[in-house]
Amino acid sequence: MSGMERIYQIDQILGARHSVTRKELQERLGVSWATLKRDLAYMRDRLNAPLIFDRNLGGYRFETTGKRIGPQYELPGLWFTAEEIHALLTMQHLLSNLDTGGLLGPQIQPLLARLTGLLGTADNPVEEVQRRIRIQTVGAREFHLDHFQAVGSALLRRKRLVIRYHARGTDEVTEREVSPQRLNHYRDNWYLDAWCHLRDGLRAFSVDAIEHAEILDKKAKDVADKRLDEVLGSGYGVFSGDQITWAVLRFTPERARWVASERWHRNQKGRFLEDGSYELHVPYADDRELIMDIMKYGSDCQVIEPEVLKARVAVEFEAGLARYRQ
């Protein structure tokens, strides 16, 4: 902990207590008496803190009575780095949009209060930070996480679930017995990685597509993290599979400047070519989500290989053109 971090900690400790002993301050801060003495002297002499040692109480406290002479006590303002502000606001945004009445509810509100307090320690008040800096999510589905609590409870208790699941792709509703493995927050949506006993394999289920969930008094099947990553984490997006194919995509020089800084997959590989275009290699097991991301770049993206993916994308573009030509 840096010296200024200790100063803020001392300020918080004394602000919340009538008095605090030297021993307790040393234990809370994990410092020697010499270091604590220097910090207290700095607060008194440099920051004008109304800090006194009360012999009757046997501890340090802020003097709150009597008229103050000279500059008022005020800690120097903090400013966060761009990464820290993004992290704080992202956490606040994420926590605010969770099912606050469910599994995480009791923990979310105290976290939100602490995040708001952290943001408020900057040079500008928290209201101004929130007003001037926004995080907007585009394309995220509206949450209706009615069964988030049951899913999370079964996950942590290592129990099986019976779920009624609406697969949007096929518009089919099936009842499945699953062993939950982990929850993933991906592209502003929650997904449950689970062993599906109906399909006898690993699957990823969108939590907002679970229409009913019931916890069973049966021990969940455990799957090793390595296997989960091989099947559900090695390919592109949320679609599962352990047969990995590598796609080679080429972006025009105009689009290359943006794509080069994008993260499509944690194992991606990319390079600039002599003409200024950008070649991106990404692994995939199921091409559905990859095709959607390719198509959003229109003529700025070309599939180089494999041939089967190139043909699939061409068919999708031709089908789209056919609709406009009707």
C-alpha atoms as a PDB file:
ATOM      1  CA  MET A   1       0.000   0.000   0.000  1.00  0.00           C
ATOM      2  CA  SER A   2       1.386   3.407  -0.988  1.00  0.00           C
ATOM      3  CA  GLY A   3       1.732   6.312   1.436  1.00  0.00           C
ATOM      4  CA  MET A   4      -1.281   8.151   0.021  1.00  0.00           C
ATOM      5  CA  GLU A   5      -3.363   4.970   0.153  1.00  0.00           C
ATOM      6  CA  ARG A   6      -2.520   4.712   3.865  1.00  0.00           C
ATOM      7  CA  ILE A   7      -3.536   8.354   4.358  1.00  0.00           C
ATOM      8  CA  TYR A   8      -6.948   7.649   2.840  1.00  0.00           C
ATOM      9  CA  GLN A   9      -7.264   4.503   4.962  1.00  0.00           C
ATOM     10  CA  ILE A  10      -6.432   6.390   8.162  1.00  0.00           C
ATOM     11  CA  ASP A  11      -8.977   9.055   7.211  1.00  0.00           C
ATOM     12  CA  GLN A  12     -11.680   6.413   6.708  1.00  0.00           C
ATOM     13  CA  ILE A  13     -10.849   4.595   9.965  1.00  0.00           C
ATOM     14  CA  LEU A  14     -10.882   7.759  12.066  1.00  0.00           C
ATOM     15  CA  GLY A  15     -13.953   9.108  10.306  1.00  0.00           C
ATOM     16  CA  ALA A  16     -15.926   5.997  11.238  1.00  0.00           C
ATOM     17  CA  ARG A  17     -14.767   5.741  14.872  1.00  0.00           C
ATOM     18  CA  HIS A  18     -14.759   8.004  17.922  1.00  0.00           C
ATOM     19  CA  SER A  19     -11.128   7.058  18.600  1.00  0.00           C
ATOM     20  CA  VAL A  20      -8.630   4.418  17.503  1.00  0.00           C
ATOM     21  CA  THR A  21      -5.604   3.163  19.413  1.00  0.00           C
ATOM     22  CA  ARG A  22      -2.112   3.220  17.989  1.00  0.00           C
ATOM     23  CA  LYS A  23      -1.934  -0.584  18.091  1.00  0.00           C
ATOM     24  CA  GLU A  24      -5.160  -0.967  16.129  1.00  0.00           C
ATOM     25  CA  LEU A  25      -4.020   1.511  13.487  1.00  0.00           C
ATOM     26  CA  GLN A  26      -0.740  -0.355  13.078  1.00  0.00           C
ATOM     27  CA  GLU A  27      -2.552  -3.699  12.740  1.00  0.00           C
ATOM     28  CA  ARG A  28      -5.113  -2.364  10.272  1.00  0.00           C
ATOM     29  CA  LEU A  29      -2.434  -0.749   8.105  1.00  0.00           C
ATOM     30  CA  GLY A  30       0.259  -3.380   8.595  1.00  0.00           C
ATOM     31  CA  VAL A  31       2.979  -0.800   9.303  1.00  0.00           C
ATOM     32  CA  SER A  32       5.563  -0.041  11.991  1.00  0.00           C
ATOM     33  CA  TRP A  33       5.134   2.680  14.592  1.00  0.00           C
ATOM     34  CA  ALA A  34       7.746   4.805  12.808  1.00  0.00           C
ATOM     35  CA  THR A  35       5.798   4.670   9.535  1.00  0.00           C
ATOM     36  CA  LEU A  36       2.470   5.383  11.244  1.00  0.00           C
ATOM     37  CA  LYS A  37       3.996   8.342  13.112  1.00  0.00           C
ATOM     38  CA  ARG A  38       5.244   9.826   9.811  1.00  0.00           C
ATOM     39  CA  ASP A  39       1.791   9.390   8.230  1.00  0.00           C
ATOM     40  CA  LEU A  40       0.028  11.059  11.146  1.00  0.00           C
ATOM     41  CA  ALA A  41       2.521  13.949  11.130  1.00  0.00           C
ATOM     42  CA  TYR A  42       1.997  14.386   7.377  1.00  0.00           C
ATOM     43  CA  MET A  43      -1.772  14.561   7.860  1.00  0.00           C
ATOM     44  CA  ARG A  44      -1.444  17.150  10.633  1.00  0.00           C
ATOM     45  CA  ASP A  45       1.312  19.309   9.181  1.00  0.00           C
ATOM     46  CA  ARG A  46       0.753  19.088   5.420  1.00  0.00           C
ATOM     47  CA  LEU A  47      -2.955  18.381   5.068  1.00  0.00           C
ATOM     48  CA  ASN A  48      -4.126  20.390   8.100  1.00  0.00           C
ATOM     49  CA  ALA A  49      -5.959  17.374   9.569  1.00  0.00           C
ATOM     50  CA  PRO A  50      -7.564  18.102  12.985  1.00  0.00           C
ATOM     51  CA  LEU A  51      -5.846  14.997  14.333  1.00  0.00           C
ATOM     52  CA  ILE A  52      -5.200  14.688  18.066  1.00  0.00           C
ATOM     53  CA  PHE A  53      -4.265  12.023  20.574  1.00  0.00           C
ATOM     54  CA  ASP A  54      -6.965  11.869  23.269  1.00  0.00           C
ATOM     55  CA  ARG A  55      -5.349  10.665  26.490  1.00  0.00           C
ATOM     56  CA  ASN A  56      -8.716  10.086  28.148  1.00  0.00           C
ATOM     57  CA  LEU A  57      -9.809   7.748  25.353  1.00  0.00           C
ATOM     58  CA  GLY A  58      -6.338   6.314  24.814  1.00  0.00           C
ATOM     59  CA  GLY A  59      -6.446   6.774  21.044  1.00  0.00           C
ATOM     60  CA  TYR A  60      -6.332   9.076  18.044  1.00  0.00           C
ATOM     61  CA  ARG A  61      -9.355  10.979  16.813  1.00  0.00           C
ATOM     62  CA  PHE A  62     -10.436  13.984  14.769  1.00  0.00           C
ATOM     63  CA  GLU A  63     -11.138  17.109  16.797  1.00  0.00           C
ATOM     64  CA  THR A  64     -14.659  18.153  15.873  1.00  0.00           C
ATOM     65  CA  THR A  65     -15.222  20.902  18.464  1.00  0.00           C
ATOM     66  CA  GLY A  66     -13.894  24.425  18.497  1.00  0.00           C
ATOM     67  CA  LYS A  67     -13.304  26.936  15.719  1.00  0.00           C
ATOM     68  CA  ARG A  68     -10.797  26.024  13.031  1.00  0.00           C
ATOM     69  CA  ILE A  69      -8.085  28.548  12.176  1.00  0.00           C
ATOM     70  CA  GLY A  70      -6.246  28.409   8.859  1.00  0.00           C
ATOM     71  CA  PRO A  71      -6.859  26.154   5.844  1.00  0.00           C
ATOM     72  CA  GLN A  72      -9.574  23.534   6.153  1.00  0.00           C
ATOM     73  CA  TYR A  73      -8.686  19.849   6.165  1.00  0.00           C
ATOM     74  CA  GLU A  74      -9.302  18.171   2.818  1.00  0.00           C
ATOM     75  CA  LEU A  75      -7.662  15.146   1.268  1.00  0.00           C
ATOM     76  CA  PRO A  76      -6.212  15.709  -2.214  1.00  0.00           C
ATOM     77  CA  GLY A  77      -8.536  14.604  -4.987  1.00  0.00           C
ATOM     78  CA  LEU A  78      -7.976  11.347  -6.823  1.00  0.00           C
ATOM     79  CA  TRP A  79      -8.164  10.740 -10.552  1.00  0.00           C
ATOM     80  CA  PHE A  80      -8.358   7.255 -11.967  1.00  0.00           C
ATOM     81  CA  THR A  81      -6.641   5.993 -15.094  1.00  0.00           C
ATOM     82  CA  ALA A  82      -8.782   5.262 -18.152  1.00  0.00           C
ATOM     83  CA  GLU A  83      -8.572   1.538 -17.368  1.00  0.00           C
ATOM     84  CA  GLU A  84      -9.621   2.060 -13.735  1.00  0.00           C
ATOM     85  CA  ILE A  85     -12.585   4.280 -14.654  1.00  0.00           C
ATOM     86  CA  HIS A  86     -13.726   1.786 -17.289  1.00  0.00           C
ATOM     87  CA  ALA A  87     -13.407  -1.075 -14.797  1.00  0.00           C
ATOM     88  CA  LEU A  88     -15.357   0.769 -12.079  1.00  0.00           C
ATOM     89  CA  LEU A  89     -18.132   1.895 -14.409  1.00  0.00           C
ATOM     90  CA  THR A  90     -18.332  -1.517 -16.070  1.00  0.00           C
ATOM     91  CA  MET A  91     -18.650  -3.198 -12.683  1.00  0.00           C
ATOM     92  CA  GLN A  92     -21.301  -0.719 -11.627  1.00  0.00           C
ATOM     93  CA  HIS A  93     -23.200  -1.188 -14.906  1.00  0.00           C
ATOM     94  CA  LEU A  94     -22.962  -4.977 -14.711  1.00  0.00           C
ATOM     95  CA  LEU A  95     -24.034  -5.184 -11.080  1.00  0.00           C
ATOM     96  CA  SER A  96     -26.919  -2.772 -11.636  1.00  0.00           C
ATOM     97  CA  ASN A  97     -28.337  -4.976 -14.375  1.00  0.00           C
ATOM     98  CA  LEU A  98     -28.130  -8.283 -12.564  1.00  0.00           C
ATOM     99  CA  ASP A  99     -31.086  -9.980 -10.929  1.00  0.00           C
ATOM    100  CA  THR A 100     -30.764  -8.047  -7.686  1.00  0.00           C
ATOM    101  CA  GLY A 101     -33.475 -10.111  -6.015  1.00  0.00           C
ATOM    102  CA  GLY A 102     -31.800 -13.403  -6.809  1.00  0.00           C
ATOM    103  CA  LEU A 103     -28.683 -15.305  -5.892  1.00  0.00           C
ATOM    104  CA  LEU A 104     -26.319 -12.325  -5.867  1.00  0.00           C
ATOM    105  CA  GLY A 105     -28.771  -9.778  -4.470  1.00  0.00           C
ATOM    106  CA  PRO A 106     -27.428  -9.560  -0.894  1.00  0.00           C
ATOM    107  CA  GLN A 107     -23.887  -9.015  -2.206  1.00  0.00           C
ATOM    108  CA  ILE A 108     -24.717  -6.620  -5.053  1.00  0.00           C
ATOM    109  CA  GLN A 109     -26.080  -3.654  -3.096  1.00  0.00           C
ATOM    110  CA  PRO A 110     -23.066  -3.298  -0.766  1.00  0.00           C
ATOM    111  CA  LEU A 111     -20.766  -3.591  -3.786  1.00  0.00           C
ATOM    112  CA  LEU A 112     -22.687  -0.895  -5.627  1.00  0.00           C
ATOM    113  CA  ALA A 113     -22.461   1.380  -2.593  1.00  0.00           C
ATOM    114  CA  ARG A 114     -18.691   0.882  -2.374  1.00  0.00           C
ATOM    115  CA  LEU A 115     -18.226   1.443  -6.119  1.00  0.00           C
ATOM    116  CA  THR A 116     -20.235   4.654  -5.893  1.00  0.00           C
ATOM    117  CA  GLY A 117     -18.041   5.737  -3.001  1.00  0.00           C
ATOM    118  CA  LEU A 118     -14.865   4.978  -4.951  1.00  0.00           C
ATOM    119  CA  LEU A 119     -16.047   6.973  -7.942  1.00  0.00           C
ATOM    120  CA  GLY A 120     -16.925   9.815  -5.600  1.00  0.00           C
ATOM    121  CA  THR A 121     -13.346  10.082  -4.326  1.00  0.00           C
ATOM    122  CA  ALA A 122     -12.225  11.427  -7.688  1.00  0.00           C
ATOM    123  CA  ASP A 123     -11.732  15.134  -8.380  1.00  0.00           C
ATOM    124  CA  ASN A 124     -15.349  15.293  -9.558  1.00  0.00           C
ATOM    125  CA  PRO A 125     -18.433  14.061  -7.649  1.00  0.00           C
ATOM    126  CA  VAL A 126     -19.853  10.675  -8.592  1.00  0.00           C
ATOM    127  CA  GLU A 127     -22.928  12.238 -10.208  1.00  0.00           C
ATOM    128  CA  GLU A 128     -20.700  14.221 -12.578  1.00  0.00           C
ATOM    129  CA  VAL A 129     -18.604  11.147 -13.422  1.00  0.00           C
ATOM    130  CA  GLN A 130     -21.720   9.114 -14.201  1.00  0.00           C
ATOM    131  CA  ARG A 131     -23.214  11.969 -16.207  1.00  0.00           C
ATOM    132  CA  ARG A 132     -20.117  12.633 -18.297  1.00  0.00           C
ATOM    133  CA  ILE A 133     -18.869   9.059 -18.811  1.00  0.00           C
ATOM    134  CA  ARG A 134     -21.295   6.459 -20.103  1.00  0.00           C
ATOM    135  CA  ILE A 135     -21.100   2.788 -20.991  1.00  0.00           C
ATOM    136  CA  GLN A 136     -23.614   1.812 -23.640  1.00  0.00           C
ATOM    137  CA  THR A 137     -24.342  -1.746 -24.690  1.00  0.00           C
ATOM    138  CA  VAL A 138     -25.731  -2.368 -28.146  1.00  0.00           C
ATOM    139  CA  GLY A 139     -27.411  -5.583 -29.189  1.00  0.00           C
ATOM    140  CA  ALA A 140     -27.739  -7.019 -25.698  1.00  0.00           C
ATOM    141  CA  ARG A 141     -30.939  -8.866 -24.997  1.00  0.00           C
ATOM    142  CA  GLU A 142     -33.243  -7.609 -22.274  1.00  0.00           C
ATOM    143  CA  PHE A 143     -32.760  -9.738 -19.195  1.00  0.00           C
ATOM    144  CA  HIS A 144     -35.588 -11.848 -17.849  1.00  0.00           C
ATOM    145  CA  LEU A 145     -33.511 -13.973 -15.515  1.00  0.00           C
ATOM    146  CA  ASP A 146     -36.367 -15.511 -13.556  1.00  0.00           C
ATOM    147  CA  HIS A 147     -34.333 -18.661 -12.837  1.00  0.00           C
ATOM    148  CA  PHE A 148     -30.916 -17.116 -12.254  1.00  0.00           C
ATOM    149  CA  GLN A 149     -31.104 -17.842  -8.526  1.00  0.00           C
ATOM    150  CA  ALA A 150     -31.927 -21.536  -9.025  1.00  0.00           C
ATOM    151  CA  VAL A 151     -29.187 -21.916 -11.636  1.00  0.00           C
ATOM    152  CA  GLY A 152     -26.607 -20.201  -9.448  1.00  0.00           C
ATOM    153  CA  SER A 153     -27.636 -22.109  -6.335  1.00  0.00           C
ATOM    154  CA  ALA A 154     -27.382 -25.484  -8.086  1.00  0.00           C
ATOM    155  CA  LEU A 155     -24.035 -24.459  -9.574  1.00  0.00           C
ATOM    156  CA  LEU A 156     -22.496 -23.585  -6.210  1.00  0.00           C
ATOM    157  CA  ARG A 157     -24.082 -26.471  -4.321  1.00  0.00           C
ATOM    158  CA  ARG A 158     -23.009 -28.911  -7.078  1.00  0.00           C
ATOM    159  CA  LYS A 159     -26.530 -30.202  -7.679  1.00  0.00           C
ATOM    160  CA  ARG A 160     -28.222 -31.194 -10.919  1.00  0.00           C
ATOM    161  CA  LEU A 161     -30.964 -29.162 -12.550  1.00  0.00           C
ATOM    162  CA  VAL A 162     -34.010 -30.022 -14.594  1.00  0.00           C
ATOM    163  CA  ILE A 163     -34.592 -27.193 -17.034  1.00  0.00           C
ATOM    164  CA  ARG A 164     -37.161 -26.455 -19.706  1.00  0.00           C
ATOM    165  CA  TYR A 165     -35.131 -24.789 -22.434  1.00  0.00           C
ATOM    166  CA  HIS A 166     -36.289 -22.782 -25.436  1.00  0.00           C
ATOM    167  CA  ALA A 167     -33.734 -23.112 -28.248  1.00  0.00           C
ATOM    168  CA  ARG A 168     -34.289 -19.974 -30.293  1.00  0.00           C
ATOM    169  CA  GLY A 169     -32.459 -21.325 -33.329  1.00  0.00           C
ATOM    170  CA  THR A 170     -34.901 -24.202 -33.832  1.00  0.00           C
ATOM    171  CA  ASP A 171     -37.792 -22.688 -31.824  1.00  0.00           C
ATOM    172  CA  GLU A 172     -38.016 -25.974 -29.907  1.00  0.00           C
ATOM    173  CA  VAL A 173     -38.637 -26.413 -26.186  1.00  0.00           C
ATOM    174  CA  THR A 174     -37.031 -29.424 -24.529  1.00  0.00           C
ATOM    175  CA  GLU A 175     -36.737 -30.639 -20.956  1.00  0.00           C
ATOM    176  CA  ARG A 176     -33.221 -31.551 -19.935  1.00  0.00           C
ATOM    177  CA  GLU A 177     -31.357 -32.749 -16.882  1.00  0.00           C
ATOM    178  CA  VAL A 178     -28.056 -30.908 -16.629  1.00  0.00           C
ATOM    179  CA  SER A 179     -25.040 -30.724 -14.348  1.00  0.00           C
ATOM    180  CA  PRO A 180     -24.059 -27.017 -14.138  1.00  0.00           C
ATOM    181  CA  GLN A 181     -20.339 -26.310 -14.462  1.00  0.00           C
ATOM    182  CA  ARG A 182     -19.933 -22.525 -14.635  1.00  0.00           C
ATOM    183  CA  LEU A 183     -21.694 -19.265 -15.511  1.00  0.00           C
ATOM    184  CA  ASN A 184     -20.270 -17.070 -18.279  1.00  0.00           C
ATOM    185  CA  HIS A 185     -21.088 -13.422 -18.929  1.00  0.00           C
ATOM    186  CA  TYR A 186     -20.517 -12.997 -22.676  1.00  0.00           C
ATOM    187  CA  ARG A 187     -21.529 -10.034 -24.827  1.00  0.00           C
ATOM    188  CA  ASP A 188     -23.799  -8.726 -22.065  1.00  0.00           C
ATOM    189  CA  ASN A 189     -25.676 -12.008 -21.681  1.00  0.00           C
ATOM    190  CA  TRP A 190     -25.427 -14.865 -19.195  1.00  0.00           C
ATOM    191  CA  TYR A 191     -24.697 -18.427 -20.348  1.00  0.00           C
ATOM    192  CA  LEU A 192     -24.624 -21.638 -18.319  1.00  0.00           C
ATOM    193  CA  ASP A 193     -21.962 -24.151 -19.270  1.00  0.00           C
ATOM    194  CA  ALA A 194     -23.325 -27.550 -18.289  1.00  0.00           C
ATOM    195  CA  TRP A 195     -23.147 -31.266 -18.940  1.00  0.00           C
ATOM    196  CA  CYS A 196     -26.387 -32.186 -20.674  1.00  0.00           C
ATOM    197  CA  HIS A 197     -27.472 -35.681 -19.644  1.00  0.00           C
ATOM    198  CA  LEU A 198     -30.008 -35.759 -22.505  1.00  0.00           C
ATOM    199  CA  ARG A 199     -27.354 -35.127 -25.184  1.00  0.00           C
ATOM    200  CA  ASP A 200     -24.566 -36.757 -23.164  1.00  0.00           C
ATOM    201  CA  GLY A 201     -22.209 -33.874 -23.752  1.00  0.00           C
ATOM    202  CA  LEU A 202     -21.234 -30.336 -22.825  1.00  0.00           C
ATOM    203  CA  ARG A 203     -23.560 -27.536 -23.880  1.00  0.00           C
ATOM    204  CA  ALA A 204     -23.892 -23.784 -23.310  1.00  0.00           C
ATOM    205  CA  PHE A 205     -27.391 -22.599 -22.369  1.00  0.00           C
ATOM    206  CA  SER A 206     -28.553 -18.990 -22.519  1.00  0.00           C
ATOM    207  CA  VAL A 207     -29.916 -18.334 -19.031  1.00  0.00           C
ATOM    208  CA  ASP A 208     -32.681 -16.036 -20.292  1.00  0.00           C
ATOM    209  CA  ALA A 209     -33.939 -18.894 -22.507  1.00  0.00           C
ATOM    210  CA  ILE A 210     -34.527 -21.167 -19.499  1.00  0.00           C
ATOM    211  CA  GLU A 211     -38.294 -21.218 -18.973  1.00  0.00           C
ATOM    212  CA  HIS A 212     -38.261 -23.415 -15.862  1.00  0.00           C
ATOM    213  CA  ALA A 213     -35.542 -24.661 -13.510  1.00  0.00           C
ATOM    214  CA  GLU A 214     -35.796 -27.154 -10.653  1.00  0.00           C
ATOM    215  CA  ILE A 215     -32.923 -28.200  -8.404  1.00  0.00           C
ATOM    216  CA  LEU A 216     -32.608 -31.977  -7.944  1.00  0.00           C
ATOM    217  CA  ASP A 217     -31.227 -33.751  -4.916  1.00  0.00           C
ATOM    218  CA  LYS A 218     -28.644 -35.433  -7.119  1.00  0.00           C
ATOM    219  CA  LYS A 219     -24.943 -34.746  -7.221  1.00  0.00           C
ATOM    220  CA  ALA A 220     -23.806 -32.874 -10.325  1.00  0.00           C
ATOM    221  CA  LYS A 221     -21.330 -34.491 -12.685  1.00  0.00           C
ATOM    222  CA  ASP A 222     -18.017 -32.636 -12.516  1.00  0.00           C
ATOM    223  CA  VAL A 223     -16.103 -31.857 -15.694  1.00  0.00           C
ATOM    224  CA  ALA A 224     -12.470 -30.763 -15.550  1.00  0.00           C
ATOM    225  CA  ASP A 225     -11.751 -27.118 -16.379  1.00  0.00           C
ATOM    226  CA  LYS A 226      -9.373 -28.214 -19.114  1.00  0.00           C
ATOM    227  CA  ARG A 227     -12.125 -30.185 -20.833  1.00  0.00           C
ATOM    228  CA  LEU A 228     -14.567 -27.281 -20.478  1.00  0.00           C
ATOM    229  CA  ASP A 229     -12.068 -25.001 -22.197  1.00  0.00           C
ATOM    230  CA  GLU A 230     -11.401 -27.557 -24.932  1.00  0.00           C
ATOM    231  CA  VAL A 231     -15.077 -27.943 -25.831  1.00  0.00           C
ATOM    232  CA  LEU A 232     -16.666 -24.611 -24.866  1.00  0.00           C
ATOM    233  CA  GLY A 233     -13.748 -22.214 -24.827  1.00  0.00           C
ATOM    234  CA  SER A 234     -11.540 -23.163 -27.750  1.00  0.00           C
ATOM    235  CA  GLY A 235     -13.917 -22.299 -30.592  1.00  0.00           C
ATOM    236  CA  TYR A 236     -15.443 -19.023 -31.660  1.00  0.00           C
ATOM    237  CA  GLY A 237     -18.239 -17.465 -29.568  1.00  0.00           C
ATOM    238  CA  VAL A 238     -20.635 -19.442 -27.422  1.00  0.00           C
ATOM    239  CA  PHE A 239     -21.174 -22.392 -29.752  1.00  0.00           C
ATOM    240  CA  SER A 240     -19.531 -25.580 -28.531  1.00  0.00           C
ATOM    241  CA  GLY A 241     -17.457 -28.261 -30.201  1.00  0.00           C
ATOM    242  CA  ASP A 242     -14.039 -29.827 -29.958  1.00  0.00           C
ATOM    243  CA  GLN A 243     -13.371 -30.154 -33.710  1.00  0.00           C
ATOM    244  CA  ILE A 244     -11.538 -26.893 -34.303  1.00  0.00           C
ATOM    245  CA  THR A 245     -11.020 -25.305 -37.719  1.00  0.00           C
ATOM    246  CA  TRP A 246      -9.025 -22.148 -38.362  1.00  0.00           C
ATOM    247  CA  ALA A 247     -10.564 -19.353 -40.416  1.00  0.00           C
ATOM    248  CA  VAL A 248      -8.336 -16.951 -42.335  1.00  0.00           C
ATOM    249  CA  LEU A 249      -9.955 -13.554 -42.894  1.00  0.00           C
ATOM    250  CA  ARG A 250      -8.546 -10.627 -44.840  1.00  0.00           C
ATOM    251  CA  PHE A 251      -9.652  -7.048 -44.160  1.00  0.00           C
ATOM    252  CA  THR A 252      -9.185  -4.074 -46.459  1.00  0.00           C
ATOM    253  CA  PRO A 253      -6.530  -1.468 -45.545  1.00  0.00           C
ATOM    254  CA  GLU A 254      -9.320   0.976 -44.608  1.00  0.00           C
ATOM    255  CA  ARG A 255     -10.823  -1.499 -42.119  1.00  0.00           C
ATOM    256  CA  ALA A 256      -7.494  -3.016 -41.022  1.00  0.00           C
ATOM    257  CA  ARG A 257      -6.730  -0.096 -38.708  1.00  0.00           C
ATOM    258  CA  TRP A 258      -9.743  -1.021 -36.563  1.00  0.00           C
ATOM    259  CA  VAL A 259      -9.670  -4.810 -36.786  1.00  0.00           C
ATOM    260  CA  ALA A 260      -5.998  -5.003 -35.803  1.00  0.00           C
ATOM    261  CA  SER A 261      -6.902  -3.755 -32.322  1.00  0.00           C
ATOM    262  CA  GLU A 262     -10.007  -5.950 -31.905  1.00  0.00           C
ATOM    263  CA  ARG A 263     -10.107  -9.173 -29.943  1.00  0.00           C
ATOM    264  CA  TRP A 264     -12.104 -11.838 -31.750  1.00  0.00           C
ATOM    265  CA  HIS A 265     -10.664 -14.797 -29.836  1.00  0.00           C
ATOM    266  CA  ARG A 266      -8.034 -15.238 -27.140  1.00  0.00           C
ATOM    267  CA  ASN A 267      -5.971 -17.477 -29.467  1.00  0.00           C
ATOM    268  CA  GLN A 268      -6.263 -15.325 -32.565  1.00  0.00           C
ATOM    269  CA  LYS A 269      -3.283 -14.492 -34.758  1.00  0.00           C
ATOM    270  CA  GLY A 270      -2.990 -11.477 -37.015  1.00  0.00           C
ATOM    271  CA  ARG A 271      -0.555  -9.663 -39.294  1.00  0.00           C
ATOM    272  CA  PHE A 272      -0.449  -6.694 -41.649  1.00  0.00           C
ATOM    273  CA  LEU A 273       0.240  -7.494 -45.291  1.00  0.00           C
ATOM    274  CA  GLU A 274       2.361  -5.442 -47.682  1.00  0.00           C
ATOM    275  CA  ASP A 275      -0.661  -3.748 -49.272  1.00  0.00           C
ATOM    276  CA  GLY A 276      -1.878  -2.526 -45.860  1.00  0.00           C
ATOM    277  CA  SER A 277      -4.605  -5.138 -45.484  1.00  0.00           C
ATOM    278  CA  TYR A 278      -4.880  -7.196 -42.308  1.00  0.00           C
ATOM    279  CA  GLU A 279      -5.009 -10.998 -42.117  1.00  0.00           C
ATOM    280  CA  LEU A 280      -6.726 -12.493 -39.082  1.00  0.00           C
ATOM    281  CA  HIS A 281      -6.664 -16.168 -38.066  1.00  0.00           C
ATOM    282  CA  VAL A 282      -9.369 -17.327 -35.631  1.00  0.00           C
ATOM    283  CA  PRO A 283     -10.384 -20.827 -34.472  1.00  0.00           C
ATOM    284  CA  TYR A 284     -13.990 -21.991 -34.592  1.00  0.00           C
ATOM    285  CA  ALA A 285     -15.982 -25.163 -34.003  1.00  0.00           C
ATOM    286  CA  ASP A 286     -19.371 -23.872 -35.159  1.00  0.00           C
ATOM    287  CA  ASP A 287     -19.468 -21.174 -37.834  1.00  0.00           C
ATOM    288  CA  ARG A 288     -22.810 -19.515 -37.012  1.00  0.00           C
ATOM    289  CA  GLU A 289     -21.575 -16.684 -34.809  1.00  0.00           C
ATOM    290  CA  LEU A 290     -18.408 -16.258 -36.858  1.00  0.00           C
ATOM    291  CA  ILE A 291     -20.429 -15.815 -40.070  1.00  0.00           C
ATOM    292  CA  MET A 292     -22.531 -13.080 -38.424  1.00  0.00           C
ATOM    293  CA  ASP A 293     -19.386 -11.192 -37.397  1.00  0.00           C
ATOM    294  CA  ILE A 294     -17.843 -11.595 -40.839  1.00  0.00           C
ATOM    295  CA  MET A 295     -20.942 -10.310 -42.604  1.00  0.00           C
ATOM    296  CA  LYS A 296     -21.184  -7.143 -40.537  1.00  0.00           C
ATOM    297  CA  TYR A 297     -18.001  -5.953 -42.277  1.00  0.00           C
ATOM    298  CA  GLY A 298     -19.570  -6.393 -45.713  1.00  0.00           C
ATOM    299  CA  SER A 299     -17.103  -5.952 -48.583  1.00  0.00           C
ATOM    300  CA  ASP A 300     -14.304  -4.988 -46.181  1.00  0.00           C
ATOM    301  CA  CYS A 301     -13.845  -8.630 -45.148  1.00  0.00           C
ATOM    302  CA  GLN A 302     -12.929 -11.589 -47.363  1.00  0.00           C
ATOM    303  CA  VAL A 303     -12.795 -15.228 -46.264  1.00  0.00           C
ATOM    304  CA  ILE A 304      -9.562 -16.729 -47.572  1.00  0.00           C
ATOM    305  CA  GLU A 305     -10.015 -20.196 -46.091  1.00  0.00           C
ATOM    306  CA  PRO A 306     -11.405 -22.729 -45.475  1.00  0.00           C
ATOM    307  CA  GLU A 307     -13.363 -23.141 -48.674  1.00  0.00           C
ATOM    308  CA  VAL A 308     -16.444 -24.422 -46.837  1.00  0.00           C
ATOM    309  CA  LEU A 309     -16.648 -21.232 -44.764  1.00  0.00           C
ATOM    310  CA  LYS A 310     -16.097 -19.097 -47.868  1.00  0.00           C
ATOM    311  CA  ALA A 311     -18.994 -20.896 -49.565  1.00  0.00           C
ATOM    312  CA  ARG A 312     -21.265 -20.485 -46.516  1.00  0.00           C
ATOM    313  CA  VAL A 313     -20.633 -16.739 -46.355  1.00  0.00           C
ATOM    314  CA  ALA A 314     -21.188 -16.388 -50.119  1.00  0.00           C
ATOM    315  CA  VAL A 315     -24.547 -18.164 -49.826  1.00  0.00           C
ATOM    316  CA  GLU A 316     -25.624 -15.818 -47.018  1.00  0.00           C
ATOM    317  CA  PHE A 317     -24.670 -12.710 -49.011  1.00  0.00           C
ATOM    318  CA  GLU A 318     -26.430 -14.024 -52.121  1.00  0.00           C
ATOM    319  CA  ALA A 319     -29.576 -14.756 -50.106  1.00  0.00           C
ATOM    320  CA  GLY A 320     -29.498 -11.233 -48.729  1.00  0.00           C
ATOM    321  CA  LEU A 321     -29.077  -9.708 -52.186  1.00  0.00           C
ATOM    322  CA  ALA A 322     -31.970 -11.821 -53.470  1.00  0.00           C
ATOM    323  CA  ARG A 323     -34.275 -10.232 -50.900  1.00  0.00           C
ATOM    324  CA  TYR A 324     -33.380  -6.739 -52.133  1.00  0.00           C
ATOM    325  CA  ARG A 325     -33.883  -7.717 -55.758  1.00  0.00           C
ATOM    326  CA  GLN A 326     -37.425  -9.005 -55.239  1.00  0.00           C
END
